[in-house]
Amino acid sequence: MTVDPYAPHSGDPSYHVLEYRLILRYRVLTNRLDGEATIIAVADERLDSLRLDLVGLKAARVRVDGEKRTSFRQSNRRLTVTPAAPIAPGQEFRVSVRYSGSPGPRTSRWGQVGWEHLEDGILVASQPVGAPTWYPCNDRPSDKAHYRIEVTLEEGYTVAATGELASCVSSSGRSTWTFVDALPTASYLVALYIGRYRSEALPLGPVPGTVYYPAEIRGRILTDLEGLPGMMALFERSFGPYPMGRYDVVITPDALEIPLESQGMAVYGSNHLDGRGSSERLVAHELAHQWFGNSVGIASWQDIWLNEGFCCYAEWLWSEESGGLSAHQQAKHHHALLADLPQDLVTSDPGAHEMFDDRVYKRGALTLHALRRVVGDEDFFEILRTWCDLKRHGIGRTPEFITLAEELSGVDLRPLFSQWLDQLKLPKIPHRTKRD
């Protein structure tokens, strides 16, 4: 394994993590965090030392397998740990880190990411490199692990986090919330939200869910989430069974720039849900991420189109399902918009600075539409369902998707994918060549 070229200063490819156990003691009013993280990992090569990502917080004690002779040094974004003796390839080991500080977002080439202190609470928006702003981690998108998160804070606040709520116990004016995530989860997808929220069940058919919201805007929020059961049903038909244990939605009282997905969750600002359905396509987009990006992860950020292009296409499928523009009409509309923009970005390798450019999203979606036009609806949706099944809670790569599409359709698709993913010039949408 090598470092991710889009985030070369994040992560350590010499080991992989099995589980994180986080014990967090937090004071909302002063934004003070005292944490203890236990990282259970396996060495992929001999480890004379190992690195953890940690930004803006100070490590006070580090142990490997409880050994006091463990040494460590910390820079502004890395914690380098040297065990008392080298760790052999294939050996399981545990690193415990006590740390503290006043967490906040980190400055990255993608803007401010990570821990965000709101007016009366917090959220974490970790994509792509924000996770180390609140816990030490091996911050690589391909390194999925299980999580146990315990948060102790003042009473009166609600905590929503990745995983299932295992317990909530209050004593002496403090509450301890414990969450257990049994599904493999990338570090950037681990969520923590704290606020004075109301909560109620979110009707999603057989999938359990909860919506957390400020009481004063309940009506408009529930109105804008009315389409979620239909979206869930459509995406299960199109992509296969919902891959997470539940789906929760958090609406902060603060305005946010963009909504964001996390493992089994999505967060929106109060500005996104206005009671008029203005963000309906974004509600569909964030739900689709549970299949594309969260269950089927990516090996490196270069393959971001496998997340965002697929979820953008899910928006178009919902538009058609709900009586709006058909997917083909959406494709033609966005193709025309792209044609008027600079064609200086390669979808399969947009570069770190441009990986969240909207052209990656839309041209990624157009790539899928072109595939659908060539192989026909039956094969197209069989490709998507098989992809989600084969890569469920794993990692997907672009060449693997192309190979699968060719195997299931019996069509030589490499020229098509090369046109749409690897070349600067925007191709024409192909004519439908196969009728179902």
Protein backbone atom coordinates (compact mmCIF):
# COMPACT_ATOMS: atom_id res chain seq x y z
CA MET A 1 0.00 0.00 0.00
CA THR A 2 1.07 3.58 -0.67
CA VAL A 3 -0.08 6.96 0.57
CA ASP A 4 -3.00 8.61 -1.20
CA PRO A 5 -1.52 11.10 -3.72
CA TYR A 6 -4.46 13.46 -3.14
CA ALA A 7 -3.82 13.50 0.63
CA PRO A 8 -0.17 12.44 0.94
CA HIS A 9 0.17 13.74 4.51
CA SER A 10 -2.77 11.70 5.82
CA GLY A 11 -2.75 8.08 6.91
CA ASP A 12 -0.14 5.38 7.35
CA PRO A 13 -0.39 2.48 4.86
CA SER A 14 1.86 0.21 6.93
CA TYR A 15 -1.02 -1.05 9.10
CA HIS A 16 -4.81 -1.27 9.10
CA VAL A 17 -7.25 -0.66 11.93
CA LEU A 18 -9.80 -3.19 13.16
CA GLU A 19 -11.55 -1.06 15.77
CA TYR A 20 -11.53 2.35 17.46
CA ARG A 21 -12.75 2.73 21.02
CA LEU A 22 -13.26 6.38 21.89
CA ILE A 23 -14.02 7.71 25.39
CA LEU A 24 -14.77 11.43 25.14
CA ARG A 25 -15.47 13.84 27.99
CA TYR A 26 -16.71 17.12 26.58
CA ARG A 27 -17.91 20.49 27.88
CA VAL A 28 -20.09 22.22 25.32
CA LEU A 29 -19.95 25.73 26.74
CA THR A 30 -16.14 25.88 26.87
CA ASN A 31 -15.48 23.52 23.92
CA ARG A 32 -13.12 21.42 26.05
CA LEU A 33 -12.43 17.83 25.00
CA ASP A 34 -10.60 15.20 27.04
CA GLY A 35 -10.32 11.92 25.18
CA GLU A 36 -8.89 8.47 25.34
CA ALA A 37 -8.65 6.46 22.13
CA THR A 38 -7.80 2.80 21.88
CA ILE A 39 -6.87 1.72 18.36
CA ILE A 40 -6.81 -2.03 17.69
CA ALA A 41 -4.82 -2.66 14.51
CA VAL A 42 -2.81 -5.18 12.51
CA ALA A 43 0.64 -4.54 11.05
CA ASP A 44 0.89 -4.99 7.27
CA GLU A 45 4.69 -4.81 7.44
CA ARG A 46 7.32 -4.65 10.16
CA LEU A 47 6.65 -1.57 12.31
CA ASP A 48 9.56 0.09 14.04
CA SER A 49 7.23 3.06 14.41
CA LEU A 50 3.76 4.02 13.22
CA ARG A 51 1.89 7.23 12.57
CA LEU A 52 -1.52 8.47 13.66
CA ASP A 53 -3.22 11.60 12.35
CA LEU A 54 -4.08 14.12 15.11
CA VAL A 55 -4.65 17.83 14.50
CA GLY A 56 -5.16 20.64 17.02
CA LEU A 57 -5.20 18.37 20.08
CA LYS A 58 -2.35 17.48 22.43
CA ALA A 59 -1.39 13.90 23.24
CA ALA A 60 -0.38 13.41 26.88
CA ARG A 61 0.22 9.67 27.09
CA VAL A 62 0.66 6.91 24.51
CA ARG A 63 1.01 3.18 25.08
CA VAL A 64 1.43 0.26 22.68
CA ASP A 65 -0.02 -2.91 24.23
CA GLY A 66 0.17 -1.18 27.62
CA GLU A 67 3.96 -0.86 27.48
CA LYS A 68 5.25 2.15 29.44
CA ARG A 69 8.44 2.23 27.35
CA THR A 70 6.44 3.42 24.34
CA SER A 71 7.74 6.76 23.08
CA PHE A 72 6.05 9.33 20.88
CA ARG A 73 6.53 12.70 19.28
CA GLN A 74 3.91 15.03 17.90
CA SER A 75 3.89 17.55 15.05
CA ASN A 76 1.04 19.83 14.08
CA ARG A 77 -0.73 17.02 12.20
CA ARG A 78 0.96 13.72 13.11
CA LEU A 79 1.55 11.58 16.15
CA THR A 80 4.53 9.28 15.58
CA VAL A 81 4.58 6.31 17.96
CA THR A 82 7.59 4.09 18.60
CA PRO A 83 6.81 0.82 20.40
CA ALA A 84 9.24 -0.71 22.87
CA ALA A 85 9.93 -3.48 20.35
CA PRO A 86 9.20 -3.75 16.61
CA ILE A 87 5.79 -5.11 15.63
CA ALA A 88 5.94 -8.07 13.23
CA PRO A 89 3.92 -8.24 9.99
CA GLY A 90 0.48 -9.71 10.67
CA GLN A 91 0.68 -9.00 14.40
CA GLU A 92 -2.32 -7.44 16.15
CA PHE A 93 -1.51 -4.58 18.52
CA ARG A 94 -3.25 -1.85 20.53
CA VAL A 95 -2.36 1.80 20.79
CA SER A 96 -3.93 3.88 23.55
CA VAL A 97 -3.74 7.67 23.39
CA ARG A 98 -4.83 10.16 26.05
CA TYR A 99 -5.31 13.60 24.55
CA SER A 100 -7.09 16.89 25.16
CA GLY A 101 -7.67 20.42 23.95
CA SER A 102 -10.20 22.73 22.35
CA PRO A 103 -11.09 21.06 19.06
CA GLY A 104 -11.80 23.03 15.93
CA PRO A 105 -11.69 22.69 12.16
CA ARG A 106 -8.43 22.33 10.30
CA THR A 107 -7.49 24.38 7.27
CA SER A 108 -7.08 22.28 4.15
CA ARG A 109 -6.97 22.80 0.41
CA TRP A 110 -10.72 22.02 0.52
CA GLY A 111 -11.45 24.67 3.12
CA GLN A 112 -12.22 24.25 6.81
CA VAL A 113 -13.01 20.62 7.66
CA GLY A 114 -13.54 18.62 10.84
CA TRP A 115 -14.89 19.62 14.24
CA GLU A 116 -17.17 22.65 14.17
CA HIS A 117 -18.36 24.40 17.32
CA LEU A 118 -21.88 25.69 16.69
CA GLU A 119 -23.79 28.32 18.62
CA ASP A 120 -24.98 25.70 21.10
CA GLY A 121 -23.51 22.34 20.15
CA ILE A 122 -21.13 20.77 17.66
CA LEU A 123 -20.93 18.81 14.44
CA VAL A 124 -18.10 17.13 12.62
CA ALA A 125 -17.80 17.48 8.84
CA SER A 126 -14.76 15.32 8.22
CA GLN A 127 -14.66 14.75 4.47
CA PRO A 128 -11.96 14.32 3.39
CA VAL A 129 -9.32 14.88 6.12
CA GLY A 130 -11.21 16.25 9.13
CA ALA A 131 -11.43 13.17 11.36
CA PRO A 132 -8.09 13.87 13.14
CA THR A 133 -9.54 17.10 14.56
CA TRP A 134 -11.34 15.04 17.22
CA TYR A 135 -9.65 11.65 17.51
CA PRO A 136 -6.30 10.06 16.55
CA CYS A 137 -6.78 7.85 13.50
CA ASN A 138 -5.29 6.29 10.42
CA ASP A 139 -7.09 8.72 8.13
CA ARG A 140 -7.28 6.82 4.84
CA PRO A 141 -10.61 6.34 3.00
CA SER A 142 -9.82 2.67 2.39
CA ASP A 143 -9.07 1.82 6.03
CA LYS A 144 -12.49 0.85 7.37
CA ALA A 145 -12.94 -0.14 11.00
CA HIS A 146 -15.54 -0.74 13.71
CA TYR A 147 -16.24 1.93 16.34
CA ARG A 148 -17.35 2.28 19.92
CA ILE A 149 -17.94 5.90 20.89
CA GLU A 150 -18.70 7.00 24.46
CA VAL A 151 -19.50 10.69 25.00
CA THR A 152 -20.00 12.31 28.43
CA LEU A 153 -21.30 15.89 28.55
CA GLU A 154 -23.72 18.25 30.27
CA GLU A 155 -27.34 17.13 30.64
CA GLY A 156 -29.86 18.83 28.36
CA TYR A 157 -28.08 18.00 25.13
CA THR A 158 -28.85 15.25 22.64
CA VAL A 159 -26.02 13.29 21.06
CA ALA A 160 -26.30 11.61 17.66
CA ALA A 161 -23.34 9.60 16.42
CA THR A 162 -22.34 6.83 14.06
CA GLY A 163 -23.72 3.43 15.02
CA GLU A 164 -26.52 2.18 17.25
CA LEU A 165 -27.25 3.92 20.54
CA ALA A 166 -26.33 1.27 23.12
CA SER A 167 -27.06 3.28 26.28
CA CYS A 168 -27.67 6.72 27.74
CA VAL A 169 -27.08 7.17 31.48
CA SER A 170 -27.38 10.41 33.48
CA SER A 171 -25.84 11.23 36.86
CA SER A 172 -24.85 14.40 38.71
CA GLY A 173 -25.81 16.71 35.85
CA ARG A 174 -23.84 14.78 33.22
CA SER A 175 -25.02 12.26 30.61
CA THR A 176 -23.04 9.47 28.99
CA TRP A 177 -24.10 8.32 25.54
CA THR A 178 -22.60 5.16 24.06
CA PHE A 179 -22.77 4.18 20.39
CA VAL A 180 -21.59 0.96 18.75
CA ASP A 181 -20.87 0.76 15.02
CA ALA A 182 -20.56 -2.87 13.91
CA LEU A 183 -20.14 -1.99 10.23
CA PRO A 184 -16.77 -1.24 8.59
CA THR A 185 -16.57 2.54 8.45
CA ALA A 186 -14.01 4.94 6.97
CA SER A 187 -12.65 7.53 9.40
CA TYR A 188 -14.03 10.48 7.43
CA LEU A 189 -17.55 9.03 7.69
CA VAL A 190 -17.66 8.82 11.49
CA ALA A 191 -20.13 11.41 12.75
CA LEU A 192 -20.79 13.21 16.02
CA TYR A 193 -23.57 15.76 16.50
CA ILE A 194 -24.46 17.50 19.76
CA GLY A 195 -27.30 19.96 20.25
CA ARG A 196 -30.57 20.73 22.02
CA TYR A 197 -32.51 18.56 19.61
CA ARG A 198 -35.94 17.02 19.61
CA SER A 199 -36.11 13.61 17.97
CA GLU A 200 -38.73 11.32 16.52
CA ALA A 201 -38.93 8.23 14.36
CA LEU A 202 -38.32 8.68 10.66
CA PRO A 203 -40.67 6.46 8.61
CA LEU A 204 -38.58 4.62 6.03
CA GLY A 205 -40.47 1.38 5.53
CA PRO A 206 -38.46 -1.52 6.99
CA VAL A 207 -35.40 0.65 7.71
CA PRO A 208 -35.32 2.24 11.20
CA GLY A 209 -34.44 5.89 11.42
CA THR A 210 -34.60 9.02 13.56
CA VAL A 211 -34.75 12.69 12.70
CA TYR A 212 -33.11 15.18 15.09
CA TYR A 213 -34.23 18.80 14.80
CA PRO A 214 -34.69 22.17 16.56
CA ALA A 215 -38.24 22.17 17.91
CA GLU A 216 -39.15 25.54 16.40
CA ILE A 217 -38.77 24.37 12.79
CA ARG A 218 -40.35 20.91 13.08
CA GLY A 219 -43.14 21.47 10.55
CA ARG A 220 -41.07 22.50 7.58
CA ILE A 221 -38.47 19.80 8.24
CA LEU A 222 -40.97 16.95 8.24
CA THR A 223 -42.54 18.37 5.08
CA ASP A 224 -39.22 18.36 3.25
CA LEU A 225 -38.41 14.81 4.36
CA GLU A 226 -41.72 13.34 3.16
CA GLY A 227 -40.06 11.96 0.03
CA LEU A 228 -37.53 9.83 1.93
CA PRO A 229 -39.66 6.64 2.07
CA GLY A 230 -40.16 6.81 -1.71
CA MET A 231 -36.46 7.45 -2.26
CA MET A 232 -35.57 4.50 -0.06
CA ALA A 233 -37.91 2.21 -2.00
CA LEU A 234 -36.58 3.40 -5.38
CA PHE A 235 -32.94 3.04 -4.39
CA GLU A 236 -33.48 -0.42 -2.97
CA ARG A 237 -35.03 -1.48 -6.29
CA SER A 238 -32.24 0.19 -8.25
CA PHE A 239 -29.16 -0.53 -6.13
CA GLY A 240 -30.14 -3.43 -3.88
CA PRO A 241 -31.02 -3.68 -0.16
CA TYR A 242 -30.24 -0.72 2.08
CA PRO A 243 -26.72 -1.53 3.35
CA MET A 244 -26.77 0.18 6.75
CA GLY A 245 -28.51 -0.73 9.98
CA ARG A 246 -30.45 2.54 10.12
CA TYR A 247 -30.70 6.01 8.58
CA ASP A 248 -30.75 9.12 10.76
CA VAL A 249 -31.08 12.76 9.73
CA VAL A 250 -29.82 15.72 11.77
CA ILE A 251 -30.89 19.32 11.13
CA THR A 252 -28.76 21.89 12.94
CA PRO A 253 -30.21 25.23 14.11
CA ASP A 254 -27.26 26.89 12.36
CA ALA A 255 -27.08 27.51 8.64
CA LEU A 256 -24.56 25.29 6.85
CA GLU A 257 -22.86 25.70 3.50
CA ILE A 258 -23.72 22.21 2.26
CA PRO A 259 -25.42 19.09 3.62
CA LEU A 260 -23.13 16.16 4.23
CA GLU A 261 -23.44 12.39 4.48
CA SER A 262 -21.87 10.17 7.10
CA GLN A 263 -22.18 6.47 7.88
CA GLY A 264 -25.91 5.78 8.18
CA MET A 265 -26.64 9.50 8.61
CA ALA A 266 -26.93 12.89 6.93
CA VAL A 267 -26.76 16.42 8.33
CA TYR A 268 -28.47 19.53 6.97
CA GLY A 269 -28.40 23.14 8.08
CA SER A 270 -31.65 24.91 8.97
CA ASN A 271 -31.25 26.78 5.68
CA HIS A 272 -31.53 23.62 3.59
CA LEU A 273 -35.02 22.47 4.63
CA ASP A 274 -37.42 25.33 3.98
CA GLY A 275 -40.77 23.53 3.78
CA ARG A 276 -40.94 23.99 0.01
CA GLY A 277 -38.78 21.05 -1.07
CA SER A 278 -35.99 23.26 -2.38
CA SER A 279 -33.35 20.72 -1.37
CA GLU A 280 -35.18 17.58 -2.49
CA ARG A 281 -32.42 16.54 -4.88
CA LEU A 282 -29.88 16.88 -2.06
CA VAL A 283 -32.01 14.71 0.22
CA ALA A 284 -31.90 12.04 -2.49
CA HIS A 285 -28.17 12.57 -3.04
CA GLU A 286 -27.22 12.12 0.62
CA LEU A 287 -29.37 9.00 0.98
CA ALA A 288 -27.75 7.46 -2.12
CA HIS A 289 -24.34 7.89 -0.47
CA GLN A 290 -25.23 5.06 1.89
CA TRP A 291 -24.74 2.74 -1.10
CA PHE A 292 -22.09 4.74 -2.99
CA GLY A 293 -19.28 6.04 -0.80
CA ASN A 294 -20.31 4.61 2.54
CA SER A 295 -21.00 0.92 1.88
CA VAL A 296 -18.97 0.76 -1.33
CA GLY A 297 -15.96 2.85 -0.37
CA ILE A 298 -13.09 4.06 -2.49
CA ALA A 299 -9.46 3.01 -2.36
CA SER A 300 -8.22 6.56 -2.94
CA TRP A 301 -9.69 10.03 -3.44
CA GLN A 302 -8.84 9.90 -7.14
CA ASP A 303 -11.88 7.61 -7.59
CA ILE A 304 -14.27 10.19 -6.09
CA TRP A 305 -16.54 9.95 -9.17
CA LEU A 306 -17.57 6.49 -7.92
CA ASN A 307 -19.13 8.29 -4.96
CA GLU A 308 -20.37 11.57 -6.33
CA GLY A 309 -21.21 10.65 -9.93
CA PHE A 310 -23.33 7.72 -8.78
CA CYS A 311 -25.18 9.83 -6.20
CA CYS A 312 -25.78 12.57 -8.73
CA TYR A 313 -27.31 9.98 -11.04
CA ALA A 314 -29.50 8.85 -8.14
CA GLU A 315 -30.86 12.42 -8.05
CA TRP A 316 -31.89 12.05 -11.70
CA LEU A 317 -33.53 8.69 -11.04
CA TRP A 318 -35.57 10.23 -8.23
CA SER A 319 -36.53 13.18 -10.44
CA GLU A 320 -37.99 10.74 -12.94
CA GLU A 321 -39.66 8.61 -10.26
CA SER A 322 -41.29 11.60 -8.58
CA GLY A 323 -42.75 13.11 -11.75
CA GLY A 324 -40.01 15.59 -12.62
CA LEU A 325 -37.62 15.55 -15.53
CA SER A 326 -36.68 12.08 -16.76
CA ALA A 327 -33.11 10.89 -16.26
CA HIS A 328 -32.50 11.44 -19.97
CA GLN A 329 -33.87 14.98 -19.82
CA GLN A 330 -31.66 15.66 -16.80
CA ALA A 331 -28.68 14.25 -18.68
CA LYS A 332 -29.30 16.46 -21.72
CA HIS A 333 -29.75 19.51 -19.52
CA HIS A 334 -26.52 18.99 -17.60
CA HIS A 335 -24.62 17.99 -20.73
CA ALA A 336 -25.52 21.36 -22.22
CA LEU A 337 -24.35 23.14 -19.07
CA LEU A 338 -21.05 21.24 -19.05
CA ALA A 339 -20.49 22.02 -22.71
CA ASP A 340 -20.36 25.72 -21.82
CA LEU A 341 -17.78 25.22 -19.05
CA PRO A 342 -14.01 24.78 -19.41
CA GLN A 343 -13.16 21.22 -20.43
CA ASP A 344 -9.90 21.01 -18.55
CA LEU A 345 -10.71 18.36 -15.98
CA VAL A 346 -10.30 14.57 -16.24
CA THR A 347 -13.05 12.79 -14.32
CA SER A 348 -10.96 9.72 -13.49
CA ASP A 349 -8.13 11.89 -12.13
CA PRO A 350 -9.37 15.43 -11.45
CA GLY A 351 -6.52 16.30 -9.11
CA ALA A 352 -6.75 17.02 -5.41
CA HIS A 353 -7.81 20.65 -5.79
CA GLU A 354 -10.65 19.83 -8.17
CA MET A 355 -11.98 16.52 -6.83
CA PHE A 356 -15.12 18.18 -5.42
CA ASP A 357 -15.70 20.27 -8.55
CA ASP A 358 -19.31 19.98 -9.71
CA ARG A 359 -18.06 18.90 -13.14
CA VAL A 360 -16.80 15.66 -11.56
CA TYR A 361 -20.28 15.03 -10.15
CA LYS A 362 -22.15 15.78 -13.34
CA ARG A 363 -19.76 14.16 -15.80
CA GLY A 364 -19.64 11.13 -13.52
CA ALA A 365 -23.43 10.93 -13.68
CA LEU A 366 -23.33 11.38 -17.47
CA THR A 367 -20.87 8.48 -17.66
CA LEU A 368 -23.46 6.26 -16.02
CA HIS A 369 -26.19 7.56 -18.31
CA ALA A 370 -24.03 6.82 -21.33
CA LEU A 371 -23.51 3.30 -19.99
CA ARG A 372 -27.26 2.90 -19.55
CA ARG A 373 -27.92 4.04 -23.11
CA VAL A 374 -25.46 1.49 -24.48
CA VAL A 375 -26.30 -1.60 -22.39
CA GLY A 376 -30.01 -1.00 -21.78
CA ASP A 377 -31.96 -0.65 -18.56
CA GLU A 378 -32.01 -4.32 -17.57
CA ASP A 379 -28.24 -4.76 -17.74
CA PHE A 380 -27.57 -1.28 -16.35
CA PHE A 381 -29.47 -1.80 -13.13
CA GLU A 382 -28.14 -5.33 -12.81
CA ILE A 383 -24.63 -3.84 -12.99
CA LEU A 384 -25.43 -1.35 -10.21
CA ARG A 385 -27.06 -3.95 -7.96
CA THR A 386 -24.23 -6.43 -8.49
CA TRP A 387 -21.61 -3.74 -7.81
CA CYS A 388 -23.28 -2.83 -4.52
CA ASP A 389 -23.59 -6.48 -3.56
CA LEU A 390 -20.04 -7.54 -4.45
CA LYS A 391 -18.44 -4.50 -2.82
CA ARG A 392 -20.83 -4.22 0.16
CA HIS A 393 -18.91 -2.65 3.07
CA GLY A 394 -15.73 -2.94 1.04
CA ILE A 395 -13.67 -0.95 -1.43
CA GLY A 396 -14.33 -0.35 -5.13
CA ARG A 397 -12.01 0.84 -7.90
CA THR A 398 -12.82 2.23 -11.33
CA PRO A 399 -11.17 -0.62 -13.32
CA GLU A 400 -13.19 -3.13 -11.28
CA PHE A 401 -16.44 -1.36 -12.13
CA ILE A 402 -15.58 -1.32 -15.84
CA THR A 403 -14.71 -5.03 -15.79
CA LEU A 404 -17.97 -5.88 -14.03
CA ALA A 405 -20.00 -3.82 -16.51
CA GLU A 406 -18.37 -5.64 -19.41
CA GLU A 407 -18.88 -9.07 -17.87
CA LEU A 408 -22.58 -8.53 -17.17
CA SER A 409 -23.43 -6.77 -20.44
CA GLY A 410 -21.20 -8.69 -22.84
CA VAL A 411 -20.19 -5.36 -24.40
CA ASP A 412 -16.69 -3.94 -24.91
CA LEU A 413 -17.09 -0.80 -22.81
CA ARG A 414 -13.52 0.40 -22.40
CA PRO A 415 -13.72 2.89 -25.28
CA LEU A 416 -16.92 4.34 -23.76
CA PHE A 417 -15.43 4.72 -20.28
CA SER A 418 -12.20 6.09 -21.69
CA GLN A 419 -14.11 8.82 -23.53
CA TRP A 420 -16.11 9.87 -20.50
CA LEU A 421 -13.58 9.38 -17.71
CA ASP A 422 -10.10 9.80 -19.17
CA GLN A 423 -10.40 12.50 -21.82
CA LEU A 424 -10.86 16.24 -21.50
CA LYS A 425 -13.32 16.70 -24.35
CA LEU A 426 -16.95 16.20 -23.42
CA PRO A 427 -18.39 13.34 -25.56
CA LYS A 428 -21.88 13.32 -26.98
CA ILE A 429 -24.54 11.34 -25.17
CA PRO A 430 -24.77 8.08 -27.15
CA HIS A 431 -27.92 6.96 -28.89
CA ARG A 432 -29.78 4.16 -27.19
CA THR A 433 -28.29 1.05 -28.77
CA LYS A 434 -30.14 -1.66 -26.82
CA ARG A 435 -33.86 -1.89 -26.20
CA ASP A 436 -35.25 -3.72 -23.16
